[in-house]
Amino acid sequence: MNKVILMGRLTRDPEVRYSQGASGTAVCRYSLAVDRRFKRDGEPDADFFNCTVFGKGAEFAEKYLRQGTKIVVTGRIQQDNYTNRDGQKVYSVQIIVEEQEFAESKNASSAAGSGGFTSARPAPSAASDGFMNIPDGIEEELPFN
């Protein structure tokens, strides 16, 4: 079984290209920085993974993901190798993303990227019946209808 689950932040904006051919499938690539649980002096604090996602997932990434966005991806590890011009064998590992989703709210993401400032929109509050009141105008920010 080849299954991987990673949670981290995008190190750069996603790059999307379309394959040649009749269908023109979207192919998106981005890099994910994943914090290490245990940190030792002199060793890196994070690992960086190159991720590739195809089709509708690639279009989603292009539209909604940006550098610094915290996401969770599930997929598989794929190892590629080739021989470069100097005759040396080059190995690379990438994550082929099958699912991706946000790991924090948009407000938390923007607060992390803007030095701790939050938007002017009030936070949802709990009503007396135990359900959360949803602020007016939130429908405009949802990525679906």
C-alpha atoms as a PDB file:
ATOM      1  CA  MET A   1       0.000   0.000   0.000  1.00  0.00           C
ATOM      2  CA  ASN A   2       1.294   3.479  -0.913  1.00  0.00           C
ATOM      3  CA  LYS A   3      -0.600   6.155   1.061  1.00  0.00           C
ATOM      4  CA  VAL A   4       0.637   9.422   2.554  1.00  0.00           C
ATOM      5  CA  ILE A   5      -1.110  12.139   4.579  1.00  0.00           C
ATOM      6  CA  LEU A   6       0.652  15.497   5.032  1.00  0.00           C
ATOM      7  CA  MET A   7      -0.319  18.779   6.651  1.00  0.00           C
ATOM      8  CA  GLY A   8       1.689  21.896   5.958  1.00  0.00           C
ATOM      9  CA  ARG A   9       1.866  25.291   4.301  1.00  0.00           C
ATOM     10  CA  LEU A  10       2.437  26.090   0.642  1.00  0.00           C
ATOM     11  CA  THR A  11       5.891  27.578   0.105  1.00  0.00           C
ATOM     12  CA  ARG A  12       4.857  29.259  -3.149  1.00  0.00           C
ATOM     13  CA  ASP A  13       1.751  29.883  -5.239  1.00  0.00           C
ATOM     14  CA  PRO A  14       0.612  26.826  -7.226  1.00  0.00           C
ATOM     15  CA  GLU A  15       1.784  26.589 -10.846  1.00  0.00           C
ATOM     16  CA  VAL A  16      -0.831  25.269 -13.269  1.00  0.00           C
ATOM     17  CA  ARG A  17      -0.300  24.065 -16.806  1.00  0.00           C
ATOM     18  CA  TYR A  18      -2.558  22.193 -19.171  1.00  0.00           C
ATOM     19  CA  SER A  19      -1.583  18.999 -20.929  1.00  0.00           C
ATOM     20  CA  GLN A  20      -1.586  18.933 -24.697  1.00  0.00           C
ATOM     21  CA  GLY A  21      -4.272  16.976 -26.448  1.00  0.00           C
ATOM     22  CA  ALA A  22      -8.002  17.040 -26.915  1.00  0.00           C
ATOM     23  CA  SER A  23      -8.918  17.128 -23.213  1.00  0.00           C
ATOM     24  CA  GLY A  24      -6.241  19.569 -21.956  1.00  0.00           C
ATOM     25  CA  THR A  25      -6.067  18.218 -18.390  1.00  0.00           C
ATOM     26  CA  ALA A  26      -4.941  20.693 -15.727  1.00  0.00           C
ATOM     27  CA  VAL A  27      -1.677  19.780 -13.955  1.00  0.00           C
ATOM     28  CA  CYS A  28      -0.782  21.743 -10.818  1.00  0.00           C
ATOM     29  CA  ARG A  29       2.474  21.706  -8.880  1.00  0.00           C
ATOM     30  CA  TYR A  30       3.234  23.212  -5.503  1.00  0.00           C
ATOM     31  CA  SER A  31       5.637  22.698  -2.632  1.00  0.00           C
ATOM     32  CA  LEU A  32       4.479  21.899   0.900  1.00  0.00           C
ATOM     33  CA  ALA A  33       6.510  22.688   4.037  1.00  0.00           C
ATOM     34  CA  VAL A  34       5.707  20.163   6.776  1.00  0.00           C
ATOM     35  CA  ASP A  35       6.978  20.864  10.299  1.00  0.00           C
ATOM     36  CA  ARG A  36       8.912  18.064  11.956  1.00  0.00           C
ATOM     37  CA  ARG A  37       7.413  16.870  15.204  1.00  0.00           C
ATOM     38  CA  PHE A  38      10.775  16.456  16.924  1.00  0.00           C
ATOM     39  CA  LYS A  39      13.403  19.095  16.302  1.00  0.00           C
ATOM     40  CA  ARG A  40      17.088  18.649  17.044  1.00  0.00           C
ATOM     41  CA  ASP A  41      19.764  21.312  17.092  1.00  0.00           C
ATOM     42  CA  GLY A  42      21.509  21.637  13.758  1.00  0.00           C
ATOM     43  CA  GLU A  43      18.772  19.794  11.834  1.00  0.00           C
ATOM     44  CA  PRO A  44      16.023  21.319   9.690  1.00  0.00           C
ATOM     45  CA  ASP A  45      12.714  22.185  11.379  1.00  0.00           C
ATOM     46  CA  ALA A  46      10.638  21.201   8.339  1.00  0.00           C
ATOM     47  CA  ASP A  47      10.598  18.900   5.335  1.00  0.00           C
ATOM     48  CA  PHE A  48       9.654  20.166   1.886  1.00  0.00           C
ATOM     49  CA  PHE A  49       7.598  18.010  -0.482  1.00  0.00           C
ATOM     50  CA  ASN A  50       6.893  18.619  -4.154  1.00  0.00           C
ATOM     51  CA  CYS A  51       3.222  17.894  -4.834  1.00  0.00           C
ATOM     52  CA  THR A  52       1.399  17.310  -8.124  1.00  0.00           C
ATOM     53  CA  VAL A  53      -2.374  17.262  -8.556  1.00  0.00           C
ATOM     54  CA  PHE A  54      -4.404  16.677 -11.742  1.00  0.00           C
ATOM     55  CA  GLY A  55      -7.801  17.636 -13.172  1.00  0.00           C
ATOM     56  CA  LYS A  56     -10.421  19.307 -10.980  1.00  0.00           C
ATOM     57  CA  GLY A  57      -8.072  19.248  -7.986  1.00  0.00           C
ATOM     58  CA  ALA A  58      -5.524  21.241  -9.995  1.00  0.00           C
ATOM     59  CA  GLU A  59      -8.159  23.799 -10.960  1.00  0.00           C
ATOM     60  CA  PHE A  60      -9.205  24.069  -7.283  1.00  0.00           C
ATOM     61  CA  ALA A  61      -5.591  24.649  -6.226  1.00  0.00           C
ATOM     62  CA  GLU A  62      -5.130  27.349  -8.857  1.00  0.00           C
ATOM     63  CA  LYS A  63      -8.256  29.186  -7.741  1.00  0.00           C
ATOM     64  CA  TYR A  64      -8.107  28.901  -3.939  1.00  0.00           C
ATOM     65  CA  LEU A  65      -4.585  28.044  -2.746  1.00  0.00           C
ATOM     66  CA  ARG A  66      -1.843  30.616  -2.218  1.00  0.00           C
ATOM     67  CA  GLN A  67       1.596  30.738  -0.614  1.00  0.00           C
ATOM     68  CA  GLY A  68       1.216  30.294   3.147  1.00  0.00           C
ATOM     69  CA  THR A  69      -2.126  28.462   2.978  1.00  0.00           C
ATOM     70  CA  LYS A  70      -2.247  25.555   5.426  1.00  0.00           C
ATOM     71  CA  ILE A  71      -3.657  22.411   3.814  1.00  0.00           C
ATOM     72  CA  VAL A  72      -3.943  18.663   4.326  1.00  0.00           C
ATOM     73  CA  VAL A  73      -3.183  16.399   1.376  1.00  0.00           C
ATOM     74  CA  THR A  74      -3.606  12.679   0.922  1.00  0.00           C
ATOM     75  CA  GLY A  75      -2.048  10.819  -1.926  1.00  0.00           C
ATOM     76  CA  ARG A  76       0.815   8.553  -2.866  1.00  0.00           C
ATOM     77  CA  ILE A  77       4.573   8.862  -3.054  1.00  0.00           C
ATOM     78  CA  GLN A  78       6.101   8.519  -6.503  1.00  0.00           C
ATOM     79  CA  GLN A  79       9.806   8.232  -7.243  1.00  0.00           C
ATOM     80  CA  ASP A  80      11.118   9.351 -10.612  1.00  0.00           C
ATOM     81  CA  ASN A  81      14.605   9.105 -12.061  1.00  0.00           C
ATOM     82  CA  TYR A  82      16.371  10.141 -15.216  1.00  0.00           C
ATOM     83  CA  THR A  83      19.879  10.529 -16.573  1.00  0.00           C
ATOM     84  CA  ASN A  84      20.990  14.152 -16.973  1.00  0.00           C
ATOM     85  CA  ARG A  85      23.260  15.575 -19.698  1.00  0.00           C
ATOM     86  CA  ASP A  86      26.360  14.725 -17.656  1.00  0.00           C
ATOM     87  CA  GLY A  87      25.355  11.070 -17.554  1.00  0.00           C
ATOM     88  CA  GLN A  88      24.482  11.144 -13.864  1.00  0.00           C
ATOM     89  CA  LYS A  89      21.362   9.453 -12.560  1.00  0.00           C
ATOM     90  CA  VAL A  90      19.028  11.992 -10.884  1.00  0.00           C
ATOM     91  CA  TYR A  91      16.341  10.851  -8.432  1.00  0.00           C
ATOM     92  CA  SER A  92      13.317  12.812  -7.285  1.00  0.00           C
ATOM     93  CA  VAL A  93      10.368  12.093  -5.050  1.00  0.00           C
ATOM     94  CA  GLN A  94       6.985  13.744  -5.362  1.00  0.00           C
ATOM     95  CA  ILE A  95       3.563  13.414  -3.809  1.00  0.00           C
ATOM     96  CA  ILE A  96       0.750  12.659  -6.256  1.00  0.00           C
ATOM     97  CA  VAL A  97      -2.193  14.358  -4.539  1.00  0.00           C
ATOM     98  CA  GLU A  98      -5.523  12.550  -4.565  1.00  0.00           C
ATOM     99  CA  GLU A  99      -7.316  14.794  -2.050  1.00  0.00           C
ATOM    100  CA  GLN A 100      -6.545  18.265  -0.663  1.00  0.00           C
ATOM    101  CA  GLU A 101      -8.430  20.395   1.816  1.00  0.00           C
ATOM    102  CA  PHE A 102      -7.962  23.474   3.943  1.00  0.00           C
ATOM    103  CA  ALA A 103      -6.461  22.873   7.404  1.00  0.00           C
ATOM    104  CA  GLU A 104      -7.536  26.221   8.858  1.00  0.00           C
ATOM    105  CA  SER A 105     -10.116  28.906   8.277  1.00  0.00           C
ATOM    106  CA  LYS A 106      -9.531  31.732   5.842  1.00  0.00           C
ATOM    107  CA  ASN A 107      -9.397  34.222   8.752  1.00  0.00           C
ATOM    108  CA  ALA A 108      -6.745  32.170  10.587  1.00  0.00           C
ATOM    109  CA  SER A 109      -4.745  31.873   7.381  1.00  0.00           C
ATOM    110  CA  SER A 110      -4.847  35.614   6.694  1.00  0.00           C
ATOM    111  CA  ALA A 111      -4.047  36.384  10.342  1.00  0.00           C
ATOM    112  CA  ALA A 112      -0.970  34.145  10.168  1.00  0.00           C
ATOM    113  CA  GLY A 113       0.199  35.904   7.026  1.00  0.00           C
ATOM    114  CA  SER A 114      -0.550  39.476   8.127  1.00  0.00           C
ATOM    115  CA  GLY A 115       1.250  39.671  11.434  1.00  0.00           C
ATOM    116  CA  GLY A 116      -1.724  38.656  13.568  1.00  0.00           C
ATOM    117  CA  PHE A 117      -4.328  41.124  12.316  1.00  0.00           C
ATOM    118  CA  THR A 118      -7.765  39.690  11.676  1.00  0.00           C
ATOM    119  CA  SER A 119     -10.544  40.900   9.426  1.00  0.00           C
ATOM    120  CA  ALA A 120     -13.240  43.284  10.638  1.00  0.00           C
ATOM    121  CA  ARG A 121     -15.922  40.584  10.338  1.00  0.00           C
ATOM    122  CA  PRO A 122     -17.203  39.464  13.762  1.00  0.00           C
ATOM    123  CA  ALA A 123     -16.512  35.892  14.794  1.00  0.00           C
ATOM    124  CA  PRO A 124     -19.516  33.530  14.849  1.00  0.00           C
ATOM    125  CA  SER A 125     -21.083  33.367  18.290  1.00  0.00           C
ATOM    126  CA  ALA A 126     -22.911  30.530  19.988  1.00  0.00           C
ATOM    127  CA  ALA A 127     -26.661  30.980  20.380  1.00  0.00           C
ATOM    128  CA  SER A 128     -28.614  29.843  23.440  1.00  0.00           C
ATOM    129  CA  ASP A 129     -29.725  26.683  21.599  1.00  0.00           C
ATOM    130  CA  GLY A 130     -26.102  25.521  21.203  1.00  0.00           C
ATOM    131  CA  PHE A 131     -25.894  26.223  17.468  1.00  0.00           C
ATOM    132  CA  MET A 132     -23.535  28.789  15.994  1.00  0.00           C
ATOM    133  CA  ASN A 133     -24.911  32.001  14.470  1.00  0.00           C
ATOM    134  CA  ILE A 134     -23.507  32.563  10.985  1.00  0.00           C
ATOM    135  CA  PRO A 135     -22.676  36.209  10.212  1.00  0.00           C
ATOM    136  CA  ASP A 136     -24.422  37.954   7.317  1.00  0.00           C
ATOM    137  CA  GLY A 137     -22.563  38.078   3.994  1.00  0.00           C
ATOM    138  CA  ILE A 138     -20.536  34.891   4.558  1.00  0.00           C
ATOM    139  CA  GLU A 139     -22.112  33.263   1.468  1.00  0.00           C
ATOM    140  CA  GLU A 140     -19.978  35.478  -0.786  1.00  0.00           C
ATOM    141  CA  GLU A 141     -16.778  33.843   0.496  1.00  0.00           C
ATOM    142  CA  LEU A 142     -17.844  30.209   0.096  1.00  0.00           C
ATOM    143  CA  PRO A 143     -16.216  28.398  -2.847  1.00  0.00           C
ATOM    144  CA  PHE A 144     -19.470  26.595  -3.694  1.00  0.00           C
ATOM    145  CA  ASN A 145     -23.183  27.394  -4.083  1.00  0.00           C
END
